[in-house]
Protein backbone atom coordinates (compact mmCIF):
# COMPACT_ATOMS: atom_id res chain seq x y z
CA MET A 1 8.26 63.13 76.79
CA GLN A 2 4.32 62.03 75.79
CA VAL A 3 1.53 64.06 77.18
CA ASN A 4 -1.21 61.88 77.91
CA PRO A 5 -4.35 64.34 78.37
CA GLY A 6 -6.09 61.59 79.75
CA MET A 7 -4.11 61.28 82.44
CA LEU A 8 -3.26 64.82 83.18
CA ALA A 9 -7.28 65.27 83.64
CA LEU A 10 -7.23 62.08 86.12
CA ILE A 11 -4.28 63.57 88.11
CA PHE A 12 -6.60 67.36 88.11
CA VAL A 13 -9.77 65.48 89.62
CA ILE A 14 -8.50 63.58 91.84
CA ASN A 15 -5.90 66.08 93.84
CA LEU A 16 -9.29 68.94 93.53
CA VAL A 17 -11.19 65.73 95.17
CA TYR A 18 -8.95 65.09 97.94
CA ILE A 19 -7.90 68.80 98.71
CA THR A 20 -11.57 70.02 98.68
CA LEU A 21 -11.68 66.65 101.15
CA ASN A 22 -9.30 68.14 103.42
CA THR A 23 -10.46 71.83 103.42
CA LEU A 24 -13.66 70.31 104.56
CA ARG A 25 -12.27 68.14 107.22
CA PHE A 26 -10.31 71.00 108.55
CA LEU A 27 -13.14 72.71 108.80
CA LEU A 28 -15.59 70.16 109.85
CA VAL A 29 -12.86 69.67 113.17
CA MET A 30 -12.45 73.15 113.47
CA ARG A 31 -16.22 73.67 114.29
CA GLY A 32 -16.52 70.40 116.53
CA TYR A 33 -17.66 67.57 113.55
CA ARG A 34 -15.28 65.61 114.87
CA TYR A 35 -17.10 62.19 113.54
CA PHE A 36 -18.22 63.66 110.26
CA ALA A 37 -14.07 64.82 110.32
CA ALA A 38 -12.72 61.48 111.14
CA PHE A 39 -15.04 59.63 108.13
CA THR A 40 -14.33 62.34 105.82
CA SER A 41 -10.35 61.53 106.39
CA VAL A 42 -10.45 58.08 105.49
CA ILE A 43 -11.87 58.89 102.02
CA GLU A 44 -8.98 61.85 101.93
CA ILE A 45 -6.46 59.18 102.68
CA THR A 46 -7.47 56.91 99.87
CA VAL A 47 -7.83 59.74 97.15
CA TYR A 48 -4.65 61.22 98.37
CA VAL A 49 -2.05 57.85 98.24
CA LEU A 50 -4.20 57.28 94.92
CA GLY A 51 -3.30 60.81 93.26
CA LEU A 52 0.34 61.11 94.58
CA SER A 53 1.53 57.73 93.68
CA LEU A 54 0.01 58.57 89.80
CA VAL A 55 2.34 61.62 90.22
CA LEU A 56 5.08 59.84 91.66
CA ASN A 57 5.21 57.07 89.38
CA ARG A 58 5.33 59.69 86.44
CA LEU A 59 7.71 62.81 87.12
CA ASN A 60 9.35 62.33 83.79
CA ASN A 61 7.01 64.14 82.90
CA PRO A 62 6.65 68.32 84.83
CA LEU A 63 3.27 68.79 83.08
CA ASN A 64 1.81 65.95 85.73
CA LEU A 65 3.22 67.98 88.72
CA VAL A 66 1.75 71.28 87.34
CA VAL A 67 -1.49 69.87 86.91
CA TYR A 68 -1.26 68.28 90.18
CA ALA A 69 -0.62 71.51 92.03
CA LEU A 70 -3.35 73.35 89.65
CA GLY A 71 -5.90 69.99 91.63
CA TYR A 72 -4.55 71.32 94.44
CA GLY A 73 -5.41 75.16 94.37
CA VAL A 74 -8.58 74.97 92.19
CA GLY A 75 -9.28 71.80 95.58
CA VAL A 76 -8.94 74.35 98.29
CA TYR A 77 -11.19 76.73 96.34
CA VAL A 78 -14.02 74.39 96.07
CA GLY A 79 -13.51 73.40 99.58
CA MET A 80 -14.37 76.37 100.62
CA LEU A 81 -17.44 77.53 98.80
CA ILE A 82 -18.97 73.86 99.46
CA GLU A 83 -18.14 75.18 103.37
CA ASP A 84 -20.10 78.13 102.50
CA LYS A 85 -22.91 76.48 101.39
CA LEU A 86 -22.79 74.46 103.95
CA ALA A 87 -22.83 77.13 106.83
CA LEU A 88 -21.98 75.17 109.58
CA GLY A 89 -21.91 76.64 113.42
CA TYR A 90 -22.79 80.06 114.33
CA THR A 91 -21.61 83.65 114.29
CA MET A 92 -21.55 86.44 116.94
CA ILE A 93 -22.35 89.41 115.51
CA SER A 94 -21.83 92.47 117.93
CA VAL A 95 -24.06 95.72 116.60
CA ILE A 96 -23.00 99.00 118.07
CA LEU A 97 -26.38 101.69 117.43
CA PRO A 98 -25.45 105.52 117.21
CA ASP A 99 -29.11 105.75 118.40
CA PRO A 100 -30.49 103.89 121.85
CA LYS A 101 -34.18 104.46 120.82
CA SER A 102 -33.11 102.22 117.54
CA THR A 103 -35.88 99.94 116.21
CA LEU A 104 -33.54 97.55 115.15
CA PRO A 105 -33.92 94.94 118.29
CA ALA A 106 -37.59 94.88 117.67
CA VAL A 107 -37.12 94.22 113.74
CA LEU A 108 -34.91 91.30 114.47
CA ARG A 109 -36.63 89.48 117.15
CA THR A 110 -39.68 90.00 114.57
CA ASN A 111 -37.73 88.05 111.73
CA GLY A 112 -36.31 85.19 114.67
CA PHE A 113 -33.06 86.01 116.27
CA GLY A 114 -32.17 86.24 119.45
CA VAL A 115 -30.89 89.68 120.49
CA THR A 116 -29.59 90.58 123.48
CA GLN A 117 -29.30 94.60 124.06
CA HIS A 118 -27.61 96.83 126.59
CA ALA A 119 -26.92 100.46 126.93
CA ALA A 120 -23.47 101.54 126.15
CA TYR A 121 -21.46 104.95 125.88
CA GLY A 122 -18.57 105.92 123.35
CA LEU A 123 -16.87 109.23 122.02
CA GLU A 124 -20.10 110.98 121.09
CA GLY A 125 -22.45 109.53 124.25
CA GLU A 126 -25.17 106.99 124.61
CA ARG A 127 -25.57 104.14 122.37
CA LEU A 128 -27.31 100.69 121.90
CA ALA A 129 -25.38 97.68 121.83
CA LEU A 130 -26.64 94.72 120.48
CA GLU A 131 -25.63 91.15 120.51
CA ILE A 132 -27.12 88.54 118.64
CA LEU A 133 -26.27 84.66 117.94
CA ALA A 134 -27.49 83.45 114.88
CA PRO A 135 -26.63 80.30 112.45
CA ARG A 136 -24.22 80.94 109.74
CA LYS A 137 -26.73 80.11 107.22
CA ASN A 138 -28.72 82.69 107.94
CA GLU A 139 -26.05 85.72 108.36
CA ARG A 140 -26.11 87.30 105.64
CA ARG A 141 -29.97 87.93 106.05
CA LEU A 142 -28.83 89.45 109.25
CA TYR A 143 -26.38 91.90 107.73
CA ASP A 144 -29.08 92.56 105.30
CA LEU A 145 -31.37 93.53 108.01
CA ILE A 146 -28.93 95.69 110.03
CA LYS A 147 -27.80 97.61 106.93
CA THR A 148 -31.74 98.07 106.07
CA GLU A 149 -32.63 99.19 109.43
CA ALA A 150 -29.58 101.06 111.10
CA PRO A 151 -27.04 101.87 108.14
CA ASN A 152 -24.56 103.61 110.02
CA ALA A 153 -24.28 100.30 112.53
CA PHE A 154 -21.12 99.50 113.69
CA VAL A 155 -20.69 95.83 112.94
CA ILE A 156 -18.19 93.07 114.49
CA ALA A 157 -18.73 89.59 113.68
CA TYR A 158 -16.66 86.51 115.27
CA GLU A 159 -17.74 82.64 115.91
CA PRO A 160 -18.28 80.81 119.22
CA LYS A 161 -16.41 78.26 120.43
CA TYR A 162 -18.47 77.53 123.41
CA ILE A 163 -22.51 78.51 123.66
CA SER A 164 -24.69 76.93 126.84
CA GLY A 165 -28.04 78.48 128.02
CA GLY A 166 -29.99 81.29 126.99
CA PHE A 167 -32.90 81.77 123.68
CA TRP A 168 -30.71 78.80 121.55
CA LEU A 169 -30.40 76.03 124.32
CA LYS A 170 -34.53 76.70 124.44
CA ARG A 171 -34.97 76.41 120.96
CA VAL A 172 -32.27 73.39 120.69
CA LYS A 173 -34.08 71.32 123.10
CA ARG A 174 -38.04 71.83 121.39
CA ARG A 175 -36.14 70.86 118.08
CA ASN A 176 -35.11 67.77 119.86
CA ALA A 177 -38.27 66.92 121.31
CA ARG A 178 -40.39 67.06 117.90
CA ARG A 179 -38.03 64.33 116.50
């Protein structure tokens, strides 16, 4: 059994590319970017067939399979890193503040975030509840503002599936009118 370092590198890179594309395609579908996902899948399956054929034609060397598996694991990680950098979609953040007179809503609005606020009541009395919809690319900045202005805030984040009307609809329409 002869080891070919060039072939091992090729198998690793092909599977890394395939799984990176696979991870991105899955995330694109989940976030509603169906046309981009379909285009990505064409490239993905081409790379997959190429990589799989390289390994299946060389099963006499178990190292090929090990390198294929390593490419798979690294590809998942790289795909997630790329998706984090792209930060597609929106996040919905619910914040419950112990101080009903908190200045956090004003600070967030000053920084361009849309905030809906309402009175809430918890075990220890009156609270201020906020709902904030933000592009994922601004999520880290939003968390930093919340932590700085209201370190005792209770924060929950989730990904909305459907958005219609309100602050965001107006902003998107204005953006499209400028194009």
